[in-house]
Amino acid sequence: MGNCFSDVKGGQQAVGGGAQAVGSAAAAASSGHNDAVDYFFRAKGEHALFTPIELSLSASKLLDRDIVSKSDPMAVVYMKRRDGELDELGRTEVIMNNLNPNWIQKINVTYQFEIVQPLIFHVYDIDSKYHNLPVKMLKLEDQDFLGEASCVVSEIVTKRNWSLTMNLHNRDGRGLKNLGTLSVHAEETVASRNAVEITFRCSALENKDLFSKSDPFLRISRTVENGGSVPICKTEVVNNNLNPAWKPLRLTMQQFVSKENPLVIECFDFNSSGNHQLMGKLQKSIAELETLYQSKAGANFFLPSSGFRRHDKVLMSQIFVDGFFEKQLYSFLDYISSGFELSFMVAVDFTASNGNPRSPDSLHYIDPSGRLNAYQRAIMEIGEVIKFYDSDRRFPAWGFGGRTPNGSVSHCFNLNGSPSDFEVEGVEGIMSAYSSALHNVALAGPTLFGQVINKAADIAAHSLSCHHAKYYVLLIITDGVVSDLQETIDSVVRASDLPLSILIVGVGGADFKEMEILDADSGRRLESSTGRIATRDIVQFVPIVKCMVSMRTNLSGSGSSGGIAISVSNIQGLNESIVSERGVEANLEGLDETTIGEGFGEANLEGLNECEKKSLQLLLQIIDAHEVQQERSRNESEDVQNVGAEILPSTQDDLVVDMEFEQIFGLLDRDRNLIASGTSFQPPGQ
C-alpha cells in the first residue's frame, strides 16, 4: 500500500488533506498560462486559451535499489522546452518501502491544444538519510535513479479514460530494459472554491499487532470513470490506538468533484516496512459523511471478499464524523478582481544579530554614499510596486526586537517613534522612519513575529468588519530564524481567513531552513497548536541576500510592433533557493538594458546567459498576450492598452513588472503570475 510521505516522522504524517499541489506555479509558468491574462479574456466574455488539468501518478514493478528494504520512490515531472531544457512542474511525495507506489500528490499542468507539450517523468529512490527533508529541497543528484518515461500531454488527454501507461527506461536507453511501468491519469481541474473540513474518529478497530496495539491511519480515494480509484489524501498515523481520532482534513472540490461522488475510505495499520495491513474499508460520499455528522451515528467498516471468504465481512469497527464544516476558499486574485485595494505594511528586525548599525559590516549600516542596505532595498523594491495599488499611500510601519527609548524590549513598536500613530506617508516615510529609528532604538532580541502578525491581523479584521475593500500585505524583513515558531504558526493560522498575506524576506547569511516551515510550498497547510488547519497559504519566505530584479515594459501604441524595453537593475547574486525554483544560473550582474522590438528571435538572444534568457520568458508571454488581445480588439475603440503580469486599465504607457516581486508573491495562493503596477487598481471591465 505505502502512500506514506517521508517529509518527517518516517512517513506517518498526513498528505493531501489541506495541501495544494506542489508545482502548480511552475506548471503555469512553464506552459505559458497567465492567470491575469485569462481573467481579462473571461471578463470580455472570451473563452480561456488553455485547460488546467492535474496528473495522478502511479508505478509498478520498480527496480529495488535498497539492500535490506524496498526502494522509497518519488516521481518528478518536467516539461521539455523547445531548446531542450527541462522545466520542473512538480514532485510527488516519497512513498517508503514500495515498488508499486500510488502517489497522492498531484501535478498541475496547463494543457494547450495548439502546442506540443512534451512531458518527462523521472522516478528516484530517495535515500533514507534525506527522509526528514521536504521533497522540494531534495537534491536529485544525491538520489538513485529508477527510470524515465516521456510522452506529450495530448497523448494522455486523447485516451478514452485519460490514462496512459508507459515503460520506464534509463536516461540513455542503455542498461536494464525492465525498469517497471509508470501510469499517468489526467483530470480537468474543477473551478470551484468550495471545500469541506472533516474530522474523523474510529472505534473498536481490530488489533493487527501481536505485542502492541495497531497504528491506524485513513486513506481516502475518489472513484473515477474507468472504475478505478485515485487516492486524494491520507491522515496522519495515530500510534498504539484502537479508538483513534485524527486531526481535521480539508478536501477541496477538485479532490472530491461533487458531494455525491463516491469516496473510498480505507483504514490501515501502519508498518514501517511499507506493508500496511487493511483494517477495514467503506464507501461514502461527502453528502453521506455530512449525514453521519448530523446524526452523530457511526458507519461500519467491512473487509472485502478474498480467496478465503466469498462475501464481504462486516466488522464491529466503526467510523464517526466528529466535525464537518463547509467553507469557501478565496485566492489573492479573487480579492483583487473583486475590487479590493492593496495596503502595504512593513515590519523591520531590530535584533542585535544584525550587527552594530555604525559598522559597515552591519545589515543596518546606513552608507553615507547613498548605497542602500538590504533592509532599505527590500522596502524600496516592494514598496514602489505596492504603492500604486494604495490610494492614500499611508503605510503602517513597525519594528520588533529592539529596546525602545523607555528601556524595554518591544516586539511591535511604531517605527516612526509615535506612541499612537503607526502610519507613515509613502515609501519615503518608511525609509525616513527606519533611519530615524536606528538612532533611537537599541538592537536587542530575540526574533519574535507573533505580535507583529497579530497587529496586522487585527487591522485586516477591523477593515473587513467595516466592509472596507482592502487586502493587506505584511512585509517582514529579518536576518534571523524566528524564536517563537509555534506562536507565529498560531498567529498565521488565525489570520488565514483574513484578506492578509505575509511576505518574510530573509537578509544576511543566516541559515533560514527552519523558516521554510512557515511556507506551505512544501505541500502542507500550517497547523496550529489546537489542531486547526490554515484556510489558505498566506506566507511566503524568500531568503534574499542581494537579489532584486526589475523590468520596465513600454507597451506603447495600438499596433503590434510596439517596442518593449527591459531594464534590469544591478544584480549581484541570486539566492540558491530562488535559483533552484527557476532552474537558472545565478549570474545577472551588470545586465545591460536591452531593447526588443517586433521579430524577437533566437538571434536576439546572442550574448545573453541562461539566467538572462530565463528572465525574458515572462516578457515573451506578455508580448504574445498583448498581440492576441490587440487582434481581438482591433475593431474596438481604445480598449485596454496594457497587458502584463496583470491586466490593468491605465493612462500611463509604462508598467513595471518586478520579476522578483512576482517570485516573492507566489504566496498569493495559486495566482503566482499576478504582479504589475501602473495606477490604482480598477477591476477590468468596470
Foldseek 3Di string as FASTA:
>chain_A
DFQFFLQDDLRQAKFQQFFDFFQLVLQCLVVLHFPQLQVQCVLVVHDGQWFKKKKWKKWADADAPDDPAGFFKKKWKWKADPVRDTGTRHIFGTTARDRTDGTQHITMHIGGPVDWIKMKMWMWRDDPVNSNHQPLPDDRVVTHTGFMDMDTCCVQVPDPQSKDKDATADPVRDDDRRRTIMMMHMDTADPFQKKKKWKKKKADFDAPDDPAGFFKKKWKWFAGDVRRTHTRMIHGTHPRDRTDITFIGMGGCRGQVDQQGKMKMWMWGDDSSSPTHTRFIDIDGNVVLVVQCVVVDWDWGWAQADPVGDHIGTDPMTMGTPDMDMDGFDFLVNLQLVPFFEAEEEEEEQACVQDQCCDPSGLNPCDPVRDDHPVLVVLCQVQVQNQQQDDQQKYFYWYAQWQAQVGDHGGTHQLQPDPPDRIAHHSVRNVVSVVVVSVGIHHHDDAACLVVLLVVLVVQVVCVVVVHSHAYEYEYEEADEHPPVQSNLQSQLVSLVTSYAYFYEHEDDYDHSVVCLLASSSGAFGAHPVSRGRSAQRYFYHYDHFAWWKFKFFLDDLDLFRKTKTDTPAGDWDDPVLCVNLVFDTDDGPPHIDIDTPPDDPVSCPPPGRVVVSVCSQVVSQSVSSNVVSVVCVVPPPAQRGGHLHGARAPDRMKMDTPVSLVRVVSSGSNSSHGIGHHHGDNPPD
